[in-house]
Amino acid sequence: MSKIQTKKRHPIKKSHITRIENELLKEIGSSADLFASKQIEFVSTSGTIQIYLIDKKPLLLEREGMLFPTLVGALERPFPERRVTIDMGAIPYVINGADIMRPGIVQVTDDVCAGRPVQIVDETHGKPLALGIALYDADDLRACTTGKVIKTFHYIGDDLWNLEM
């Protein structure tokens, strides 16, 4: 990911907040309530990812029309949906931005869908380490034995993680 810089930042209207809540509800279900707030700001960036500040923290991102919590959001307001758990041997690669290969996965929630965002968590603590786009649905992913299964787009230590507001 190239160096990301903020361009514009402004509060959003109540009608737009409703749209955000509905989009998030589609992605993570009832856990969307964890991200509800009356104070949401939109931050336009120089990259392909747009950010929503909830109570002045970058908790949501929008990428290619998909709304999903950022890593900061997943860490501050943990939610059980869309989780792919990786083994401890894969962690050094994931925190450097590597895509997720099937042999490193130990568990997949049933709501993982191809082409949709997922959170990648470690098996010991269940803490989110990265976000990615699943290349397979949950059942197909479990059936795979080799190859790339998730394309990583946001990880701890990347430009979005280090973005200052």
N, C-alpha and C. Protein backbone atom coordinates (compact mmCIF):
# COMPACT_ATOMS: atom_id res chain seq x y z
N MET A 1 0.85 -1.16 0.00
CA MET A 1 0.00 0.00 0.00
C MET A 1 0.90 1.23 0.00
N SER A 2 0.61 2.20 -0.83
CA SER A 2 1.41 3.41 -0.88
C SER A 2 1.12 4.28 0.33
N LYS A 3 1.97 5.25 0.55
CA LYS A 3 1.82 6.16 1.68
C LYS A 3 0.46 6.84 1.63
N ILE A 4 -0.31 6.71 2.70
CA ILE A 4 -1.65 7.27 2.76
C ILE A 4 -1.61 8.59 3.54
N GLN A 5 -2.29 9.60 2.99
CA GLN A 5 -2.41 10.88 3.67
C GLN A 5 -3.87 11.29 3.65
N THR A 6 -4.28 11.99 4.69
CA THR A 6 -5.66 12.47 4.74
C THR A 6 -5.79 13.71 3.88
N LYS A 7 -6.94 13.82 3.21
CA LYS A 7 -7.21 14.99 2.37
C LYS A 7 -8.23 15.89 3.04
N LYS A 8 -9.43 15.36 3.27
CA LYS A 8 -10.51 16.14 3.86
C LYS A 8 -11.12 15.36 5.01
N ARG A 9 -11.65 16.11 5.96
CA ARG A 9 -12.29 15.51 7.12
C ARG A 9 -13.51 16.36 7.47
N HIS A 10 -14.68 15.70 7.55
CA HIS A 10 -15.88 16.45 7.90
C HIS A 10 -16.92 15.53 8.54
N PRO A 11 -17.77 16.10 9.41
CA PRO A 11 -18.85 15.30 10.00
C PRO A 11 -19.85 14.90 8.92
N ILE A 12 -20.52 13.78 9.13
CA ILE A 12 -21.49 13.34 8.15
C ILE A 12 -22.91 13.54 8.66
N LYS A 13 -23.85 13.60 7.72
CA LYS A 13 -25.24 13.84 8.05
C LYS A 13 -25.88 12.60 8.66
N LYS A 14 -26.98 12.82 9.35
CA LYS A 14 -27.70 11.74 10.02
C LYS A 14 -28.17 10.68 9.01
N SER A 15 -28.59 11.09 7.84
CA SER A 15 -29.04 10.13 6.83
C SER A 15 -27.88 9.24 6.36
N HIS A 16 -26.70 9.82 6.28
CA HIS A 16 -25.51 9.05 5.90
C HIS A 16 -25.12 8.08 7.01
N ILE A 17 -25.32 8.48 8.26
CA ILE A 17 -25.04 7.59 9.40
C ILE A 17 -25.93 6.35 9.31
N THR A 18 -27.18 6.55 8.94
CA THR A 18 -28.11 5.42 8.79
C THR A 18 -27.62 4.47 7.69
N ARG A 19 -27.13 5.01 6.59
CA ARG A 19 -26.60 4.18 5.51
C ARG A 19 -25.40 3.38 5.99
N ILE A 20 -24.52 4.01 6.74
CA ILE A 20 -23.34 3.33 7.28
C ILE A 20 -23.75 2.20 8.21
N GLU A 21 -24.70 2.48 9.08
CA GLU A 21 -25.16 1.44 10.02
C GLU A 21 -25.78 0.26 9.27
N ASN A 22 -26.54 0.53 8.21
CA ASN A 22 -27.15 -0.55 7.42
C ASN A 22 -26.11 -1.36 6.67
N GLU A 23 -25.11 -0.69 6.09
CA GLU A 23 -24.04 -1.38 5.37
C GLU A 23 -23.25 -2.28 6.33
N LEU A 24 -22.94 -1.75 7.51
CA LEU A 24 -22.19 -2.53 8.49
C LEU A 24 -23.01 -3.71 9.00
N LEU A 25 -24.30 -3.52 9.14
CA LEU A 25 -25.20 -4.59 9.55
C LEU A 25 -25.15 -5.75 8.55
N LYS A 26 -25.07 -5.44 7.26
CA LYS A 26 -24.96 -6.47 6.23
C LYS A 26 -23.64 -7.24 6.34
N GLU A 27 -22.57 -6.55 6.71
CA GLU A 27 -21.25 -7.17 6.77
C GLU A 27 -21.03 -7.99 8.04
N ILE A 28 -21.37 -7.43 9.20
CA ILE A 28 -21.03 -8.12 10.46
C ILE A 28 -22.23 -8.41 11.35
N GLY A 29 -23.42 -8.23 10.83
CA GLY A 29 -24.61 -8.60 11.59
C GLY A 29 -24.85 -7.72 12.80
N SER A 30 -25.36 -8.34 13.86
CA SER A 30 -25.77 -7.58 15.05
C SER A 30 -24.60 -6.89 15.75
N SER A 31 -23.38 -7.30 15.47
CA SER A 31 -22.21 -6.64 16.07
C SER A 31 -22.04 -5.22 15.55
N ALA A 32 -22.77 -4.85 14.53
CA ALA A 32 -22.71 -3.48 14.01
C ALA A 32 -23.10 -2.47 15.09
N ASP A 33 -23.90 -2.91 16.06
CA ASP A 33 -24.30 -2.02 17.16
C ASP A 33 -23.09 -1.54 17.96
N LEU A 34 -22.00 -2.29 17.96
CA LEU A 34 -20.79 -1.88 18.67
C LEU A 34 -20.20 -0.59 18.11
N PHE A 35 -20.52 -0.30 16.85
CA PHE A 35 -19.94 0.86 16.17
C PHE A 35 -20.93 2.01 16.01
N ALA A 36 -22.07 1.91 16.66
CA ALA A 36 -23.08 2.96 16.58
C ALA A 36 -22.62 4.20 17.35
N SER A 37 -22.88 5.36 16.76
CA SER A 37 -22.51 6.62 17.39
C SER A 37 -23.24 7.75 16.68
N LYS A 38 -23.44 8.83 17.40
CA LYS A 38 -24.04 10.02 16.79
C LYS A 38 -22.96 10.93 16.21
N GLN A 39 -21.71 10.66 16.56
CA GLN A 39 -20.61 11.49 16.10
C GLN A 39 -19.71 10.67 15.18
N ILE A 40 -19.97 10.78 13.87
CA ILE A 40 -19.16 10.08 12.87
C ILE A 40 -18.63 11.11 11.88
N GLU A 41 -17.34 11.00 11.60
CA GLU A 41 -16.71 11.89 10.63
C GLU A 41 -16.18 11.07 9.47
N PHE A 42 -16.22 11.65 8.28
CA PHE A 42 -15.68 11.02 7.08
C PHE A 42 -14.31 11.60 6.81
N VAL A 43 -13.33 10.74 6.51
CA VAL A 43 -11.99 11.19 6.18
C VAL A 43 -11.64 10.67 4.79
N SER A 44 -11.44 11.59 3.88
CA SER A 44 -11.01 11.24 2.53
C SER A 44 -9.49 11.10 2.54
N THR A 45 -8.98 10.04 1.91
CA THR A 45 -7.53 9.83 1.90
C THR A 45 -6.99 9.84 0.48
N SER A 46 -5.67 9.85 0.38
CA SER A 46 -5.01 9.82 -0.92
C SER A 46 -5.02 8.42 -1.52
N GLY A 47 -5.36 7.41 -0.74
CA GLY A 47 -5.39 6.03 -1.23
C GLY A 47 -6.78 5.59 -1.64
N THR A 48 -6.95 4.28 -1.79
CA THR A 48 -8.23 3.71 -2.21
C THR A 48 -9.16 3.45 -1.02
N ILE A 49 -8.66 3.66 0.18
CA ILE A 49 -9.44 3.41 1.39
C ILE A 49 -9.90 4.74 1.98
N GLN A 50 -11.18 4.81 2.32
CA GLN A 50 -11.74 5.97 3.01
C GLN A 50 -12.02 5.56 4.45
N ILE A 51 -11.93 6.50 5.36
CA ILE A 51 -12.02 6.18 6.78
C ILE A 51 -13.20 6.92 7.41
N TYR A 52 -13.82 6.25 8.39
CA TYR A 52 -14.86 6.87 9.20
C TYR A 52 -14.36 6.91 10.63
N LEU A 53 -14.35 8.10 11.20
CA LEU A 53 -13.96 8.27 12.60
C LEU A 53 -15.22 8.18 13.44
N ILE A 54 -15.18 7.30 14.41
CA ILE A 54 -16.29 7.18 15.35
C ILE A 54 -15.75 7.63 16.70
N ASP A 55 -16.36 8.66 17.25
CA ASP A 55 -15.86 9.27 18.48
C ASP A 55 -14.38 9.61 18.36
N LYS A 56 -14.02 10.14 17.19
CA LYS A 56 -12.67 10.64 16.86
C LYS A 56 -11.61 9.55 16.73
N LYS A 57 -12.04 8.29 16.56
CA LYS A 57 -11.09 7.19 16.36
C LYS A 57 -11.38 6.52 15.02
N PRO A 58 -10.34 6.13 14.27
CA PRO A 58 -10.56 5.50 12.95
C PRO A 58 -11.01 4.05 13.10
N LEU A 59 -12.32 3.85 13.26
CA LEU A 59 -12.85 2.52 13.55
C LEU A 59 -13.44 1.81 12.34
N LEU A 60 -13.79 2.56 11.28
CA LEU A 60 -14.37 1.93 10.09
C LEU A 60 -13.60 2.38 8.86
N LEU A 61 -13.60 1.51 7.84
CA LEU A 61 -13.01 1.87 6.56
C LEU A 61 -13.94 1.44 5.44
N GLU A 62 -13.83 2.13 4.33
CA GLU A 62 -14.60 1.77 3.14
C GLU A 62 -13.60 1.56 2.02
N ARG A 63 -13.70 0.38 1.40
CA ARG A 63 -12.79 0.01 0.32
C ARG A 63 -13.59 -0.68 -0.77
N GLU A 64 -13.54 -0.14 -1.97
CA GLU A 64 -14.24 -0.72 -3.12
C GLU A 64 -15.71 -0.99 -2.81
N GLY A 65 -16.35 -0.05 -2.14
CA GLY A 65 -17.77 -0.16 -1.82
C GLY A 65 -18.10 -1.04 -0.64
N MET A 66 -17.10 -1.59 0.02
CA MET A 66 -17.33 -2.45 1.19
C MET A 66 -16.95 -1.71 2.46
N LEU A 67 -17.83 -1.75 3.44
CA LEU A 67 -17.61 -1.10 4.72
C LEU A 67 -17.26 -2.18 5.74
N PHE A 68 -16.19 -1.95 6.51
CA PHE A 68 -15.74 -2.95 7.48
C PHE A 68 -14.93 -2.23 8.56
N PRO A 69 -14.90 -2.77 9.79
CA PRO A 69 -14.07 -2.16 10.82
C PRO A 69 -12.59 -2.20 10.45
N THR A 70 -11.87 -1.16 10.84
CA THR A 70 -10.41 -1.17 10.69
C THR A 70 -9.83 -2.11 11.74
N LEU A 71 -8.52 -2.30 11.71
CA LEU A 71 -7.89 -3.11 12.76
C LEU A 71 -8.05 -2.43 14.12
N VAL A 72 -7.95 -1.12 14.14
CA VAL A 72 -8.16 -0.39 15.39
C VAL A 72 -9.58 -0.66 15.90
N GLY A 73 -10.54 -0.62 14.99
CA GLY A 73 -11.93 -0.90 15.35
C GLY A 73 -12.12 -2.32 15.84
N ALA A 74 -11.49 -3.28 15.17
CA ALA A 74 -11.61 -4.69 15.57
C ALA A 74 -10.93 -4.96 16.91
N LEU A 75 -9.89 -4.21 17.21
CA LEU A 75 -9.21 -4.38 18.50
C LEU A 75 -9.97 -3.69 19.63
N GLU A 76 -10.48 -2.49 19.37
CA GLU A 76 -11.19 -1.73 20.42
C GLU A 76 -12.60 -2.24 20.67
N ARG A 77 -13.23 -2.74 19.63
CA ARG A 77 -14.61 -3.22 19.74
C ARG A 77 -14.71 -4.60 19.08
N PRO A 78 -14.15 -5.62 19.75
CA PRO A 78 -14.09 -6.97 19.15
C PRO A 78 -15.47 -7.51 18.77
N PHE A 79 -15.51 -8.17 17.63
CA PHE A 79 -16.75 -8.79 17.15
C PHE A 79 -16.41 -10.19 16.62
N PRO A 80 -17.33 -11.14 16.77
CA PRO A 80 -17.04 -12.53 16.43
C PRO A 80 -17.24 -12.91 14.96
N GLU A 81 -17.82 -12.04 14.16
CA GLU A 81 -18.12 -12.38 12.78
C GLU A 81 -16.90 -12.27 11.88
N ARG A 82 -16.99 -13.02 10.75
CA ARG A 82 -15.99 -12.96 9.68
C ARG A 82 -14.56 -13.14 10.21
N ARG A 83 -14.33 -14.23 10.92
CA ARG A 83 -13.02 -14.49 11.51
C ARG A 83 -12.34 -15.68 10.86
N VAL A 84 -11.07 -15.50 10.57
CA VAL A 84 -10.21 -16.59 10.12
C VAL A 84 -9.06 -16.64 11.11
N THR A 85 -8.91 -17.78 11.77
CA THR A 85 -7.88 -17.94 12.80
C THR A 85 -6.66 -18.61 12.18
N ILE A 86 -5.48 -18.03 12.42
CA ILE A 86 -4.24 -18.58 11.87
C ILE A 86 -3.37 -19.14 12.99
N ASP A 87 -2.49 -20.07 12.62
CA ASP A 87 -1.59 -20.65 13.61
C ASP A 87 -0.43 -19.70 13.90
N MET A 88 0.29 -19.98 14.95
CA MET A 88 1.36 -19.09 15.41
C MET A 88 2.50 -18.98 14.40
N GLY A 89 2.72 -20.00 13.60
CA GLY A 89 3.79 -19.96 12.61
C GLY A 89 3.54 -18.96 11.49
N ALA A 90 2.30 -18.62 11.25
CA ALA A 90 1.96 -17.68 10.16
C ALA A 90 2.05 -16.22 10.60
N ILE A 91 2.06 -15.97 11.89
CA ILE A 91 2.00 -14.59 12.40
C ILE A 91 3.12 -13.69 11.86
N PRO A 92 4.39 -14.11 11.88
CA PRO A 92 5.43 -13.20 11.37
C PRO A 92 5.21 -12.76 9.93
N TYR A 93 4.62 -13.62 9.12
CA TYR A 93 4.37 -13.29 7.73
C TYR A 93 3.17 -12.34 7.60
N VAL A 94 2.14 -12.61 8.38
CA VAL A 94 0.92 -11.80 8.32
C VAL A 94 1.19 -10.37 8.77
N ILE A 95 1.96 -10.18 9.82
CA ILE A 95 2.22 -8.81 10.29
C ILE A 95 3.18 -8.04 9.37
N ASN A 96 3.71 -8.74 8.37
CA ASN A 96 4.49 -8.08 7.34
C ASN A 96 3.70 -7.91 6.05
N GLY A 97 2.39 -8.23 6.09
CA GLY A 97 1.52 -7.98 4.96
C GLY A 97 1.32 -9.14 4.00
N ALA A 98 1.79 -10.32 4.35
CA ALA A 98 1.64 -11.46 3.45
C ALA A 98 0.19 -11.89 3.32
N ASP A 99 -0.15 -12.43 2.16
CA ASP A 99 -1.47 -13.02 1.96
C ASP A 99 -1.55 -14.31 2.77
N ILE A 100 -2.76 -14.77 3.03
CA ILE A 100 -2.96 -15.94 3.89
C ILE A 100 -3.03 -17.20 3.03
N MET A 101 -2.18 -18.16 3.36
CA MET A 101 -2.14 -19.44 2.67
C MET A 101 -2.93 -20.46 3.49
N ARG A 102 -3.53 -21.41 2.83
CA ARG A 102 -4.41 -22.38 3.48
C ARG A 102 -3.73 -23.17 4.60
N PRO A 103 -2.48 -23.62 4.47
CA PRO A 103 -1.89 -24.42 5.56
C PRO A 103 -1.80 -23.68 6.90
N GLY A 104 -1.80 -22.35 6.90
CA GLY A 104 -1.68 -21.59 8.13
C GLY A 104 -2.99 -21.37 8.87
N ILE A 105 -4.10 -21.80 8.30
CA ILE A 105 -5.42 -21.55 8.89
C ILE A 105 -5.84 -22.72 9.76
N VAL A 106 -6.32 -22.38 10.98
CA VAL A 106 -6.79 -23.43 11.90
C VAL A 106 -8.30 -23.41 12.10
N GLN A 107 -8.95 -22.27 11.82
CA GLN A 107 -10.39 -22.19 12.01
C GLN A 107 -10.98 -21.08 11.14
N VAL A 108 -12.22 -21.30 10.68
CA VAL A 108 -12.92 -20.34 9.83
C VAL A 108 -14.37 -20.28 10.30
N THR A 109 -14.90 -19.06 10.51
CA THR A 109 -16.32 -18.95 10.88
C THR A 109 -17.18 -19.21 9.64
N ASP A 110 -18.40 -19.66 9.87
CA ASP A 110 -19.30 -20.03 8.78
C ASP A 110 -19.73 -18.87 7.90
N ASP A 111 -19.60 -17.63 8.39
CA ASP A 111 -20.08 -16.48 7.63
C ASP A 111 -19.04 -15.88 6.68
N VAL A 112 -17.89 -16.53 6.50
CA VAL A 112 -16.88 -16.06 5.56
C VAL A 112 -17.39 -16.29 4.14
N CYS A 113 -17.37 -15.23 3.33
CA CYS A 113 -17.87 -15.29 1.96
C CYS A 113 -16.79 -14.82 0.99
N ALA A 114 -16.73 -15.47 -0.16
CA ALA A 114 -15.78 -15.08 -1.20
C ALA A 114 -16.02 -13.64 -1.63
N GLY A 115 -14.93 -12.88 -1.76
CA GLY A 115 -15.03 -11.50 -2.21
C GLY A 115 -15.41 -10.51 -1.13
N ARG A 116 -15.56 -10.95 0.09
CA ARG A 116 -15.95 -10.08 1.21
C ARG A 116 -14.81 -9.98 2.22
N PRO A 117 -14.77 -8.90 3.01
CA PRO A 117 -13.70 -8.73 3.99
C PRO A 117 -13.81 -9.71 5.16
N VAL A 118 -12.65 -10.06 5.70
CA VAL A 118 -12.55 -10.91 6.88
C VAL A 118 -11.48 -10.35 7.81
N GLN A 119 -11.58 -10.71 9.08
CA GLN A 119 -10.52 -10.36 10.02
C GLN A 119 -9.67 -11.61 10.25
N ILE A 120 -8.37 -11.43 10.29
CA ILE A 120 -7.43 -12.52 10.48
C ILE A 120 -6.90 -12.41 11.90
N VAL A 121 -7.16 -13.44 12.72
CA VAL A 121 -6.82 -13.39 14.14
C VAL A 121 -5.85 -14.51 14.50
N ASP A 122 -5.09 -14.29 15.59
CA ASP A 122 -4.15 -15.32 16.04
C ASP A 122 -4.89 -16.36 16.89
N GLU A 123 -4.36 -17.58 16.92
CA GLU A 123 -5.06 -18.67 17.60
C GLU A 123 -4.93 -18.61 19.12
N THR A 124 -3.91 -17.99 19.65
CA THR A 124 -3.72 -17.96 21.10
C THR A 124 -4.62 -16.95 21.79
N HIS A 125 -4.63 -15.72 21.31
CA HIS A 125 -5.38 -14.66 21.98
C HIS A 125 -6.64 -14.22 21.23
N GLY A 126 -6.77 -14.61 19.98
CA GLY A 126 -7.93 -14.20 19.18
C GLY A 126 -7.90 -12.73 18.80
N LYS A 127 -6.71 -12.12 18.81
CA LYS A 127 -6.58 -10.69 18.48
C LYS A 127 -6.42 -10.52 16.97
N PRO A 128 -7.11 -9.55 16.39
CA PRO A 128 -6.98 -9.29 14.95
C PRO A 128 -5.58 -8.79 14.60
N LEU A 129 -5.01 -9.38 13.55
CA LEU A 129 -3.67 -9.01 13.07
C LEU A 129 -3.72 -8.36 11.70
N ALA A 130 -4.78 -8.67 10.94
CA ALA A 130 -4.89 -8.16 9.58
C ALA A 130 -6.33 -8.25 9.11
N LEU A 131 -6.60 -7.55 8.01
CA LEU A 131 -7.87 -7.66 7.32
C LEU A 131 -7.57 -8.09 5.89
N GLY A 132 -8.46 -8.87 5.33
CA GLY A 132 -8.25 -9.32 3.96
C GLY A 132 -9.56 -9.59 3.27
N ILE A 133 -9.46 -9.94 2.01
CA ILE A 133 -10.61 -10.32 1.20
C ILE A 133 -10.52 -11.83 0.99
N ALA A 134 -11.57 -12.54 1.40
CA ALA A 134 -11.62 -13.99 1.24
C ALA A 134 -11.73 -14.34 -0.24
N LEU A 135 -10.98 -15.32 -0.67
CA LEU A 135 -11.04 -15.76 -2.05
C LEU A 135 -12.01 -16.93 -2.23
N TYR A 136 -12.46 -17.49 -1.10
CA TYR A 136 -13.38 -18.63 -1.11
C TYR A 136 -14.44 -18.46 -0.02
N ASP A 137 -15.57 -19.12 -0.18
CA ASP A 137 -16.56 -19.21 0.89
C ASP A 137 -16.01 -20.12 1.97
N ALA A 138 -16.61 -20.09 3.16
CA ALA A 138 -16.11 -20.85 4.32
C ALA A 138 -15.94 -22.34 4.01
N ASP A 139 -16.95 -22.99 3.44
CA ASP A 139 -16.86 -24.43 3.17
C ASP A 139 -15.78 -24.74 2.15
N ASP A 140 -15.68 -23.94 1.10
CA ASP A 140 -14.65 -24.16 0.09
C ASP A 140 -13.26 -23.91 0.66
N LEU A 141 -13.16 -22.91 1.52
CA LEU A 141 -11.88 -22.60 2.15
C LEU A 141 -11.42 -23.77 3.02
N ARG A 142 -12.34 -24.33 3.78
CA ARG A 142 -12.00 -25.49 4.62
C ARG A 142 -11.59 -26.69 3.78
N ALA A 143 -12.19 -26.83 2.61
CA ALA A 143 -11.90 -27.97 1.73
C ALA A 143 -10.53 -27.84 1.05
N CYS A 144 -10.05 -26.62 0.88
CA CYS A 144 -8.73 -26.42 0.27
C CYS A 144 -7.64 -27.00 1.16
N THR A 145 -6.56 -27.41 0.53
CA THR A 145 -5.41 -27.90 1.31
C THR A 145 -4.15 -27.08 1.05
N THR A 146 -4.11 -26.38 -0.08
CA THR A 146 -2.94 -25.57 -0.41
C THR A 146 -3.37 -24.27 -1.07
N GLY A 147 -2.42 -23.36 -1.21
CA GLY A 147 -2.64 -22.14 -1.96
C GLY A 147 -3.12 -20.95 -1.16
N LYS A 148 -3.17 -19.82 -1.84
CA LYS A 148 -3.62 -18.56 -1.26
C LYS A 148 -5.13 -18.57 -1.12
N VAL A 149 -5.64 -18.18 0.06
CA VAL A 149 -7.09 -18.18 0.29
C VAL A 149 -7.62 -16.82 0.72
N ILE A 150 -6.73 -15.92 1.16
CA ILE A 150 -7.14 -14.57 1.56
C ILE A 150 -6.10 -13.57 1.06
N LYS A 151 -6.59 -12.51 0.43
CA LYS A 151 -5.72 -11.42 -0.03
C LYS A 151 -5.72 -10.33 1.03
N THR A 152 -4.60 -10.11 1.68
CA THR A 152 -4.48 -9.13 2.76
C THR A 152 -4.45 -7.71 2.20
N PHE A 153 -5.20 -6.79 2.85
CA PHE A 153 -5.17 -5.38 2.42
C PHE A 153 -4.87 -4.41 3.56
N HIS A 154 -4.91 -4.86 4.82
CA HIS A 154 -4.63 -3.97 5.96
C HIS A 154 -4.07 -4.84 7.08
N TYR A 155 -2.91 -4.44 7.61
CA TYR A 155 -2.27 -5.23 8.65
C TYR A 155 -1.59 -4.31 9.66
N ILE A 156 -1.28 -4.86 10.81
CA ILE A 156 -0.63 -4.08 11.86
C ILE A 156 0.71 -3.56 11.34
N GLY A 157 0.91 -2.24 11.48
CA GLY A 157 2.14 -1.63 11.06
C GLY A 157 2.14 -1.05 9.65
N ASP A 158 1.05 -1.21 8.89
CA ASP A 158 1.00 -0.65 7.55
C ASP A 158 0.69 0.85 7.60
N ASP A 159 0.58 1.47 6.44
CA ASP A 159 0.35 2.93 6.39
C ASP A 159 -0.97 3.33 7.02
N LEU A 160 -2.00 2.52 6.84
CA LEU A 160 -3.30 2.84 7.44
C LEU A 160 -3.24 2.72 8.96
N TRP A 161 -2.54 1.73 9.45
CA TRP A 161 -2.38 1.53 10.90
C TRP A 161 -1.66 2.74 11.50
N ASN A 162 -0.67 3.27 10.80
CA ASN A 162 0.15 4.38 11.30
C ASN A 162 -0.39 5.77 10.93
N LEU A 163 -1.53 5.82 10.26
CA LEU A 163 -2.11 7.08 9.84
C LEU A 163 -2.46 7.95 11.05
N GLU A 164 -1.99 9.18 11.03
CA GLU A 164 -2.28 10.11 12.12
C GLU A 164 -3.39 11.06 11.71
N MET A 165 -4.31 11.30 12.64
CA MET A 165 -5.43 12.19 12.35
C MET A 165 -5.18 13.55 12.97
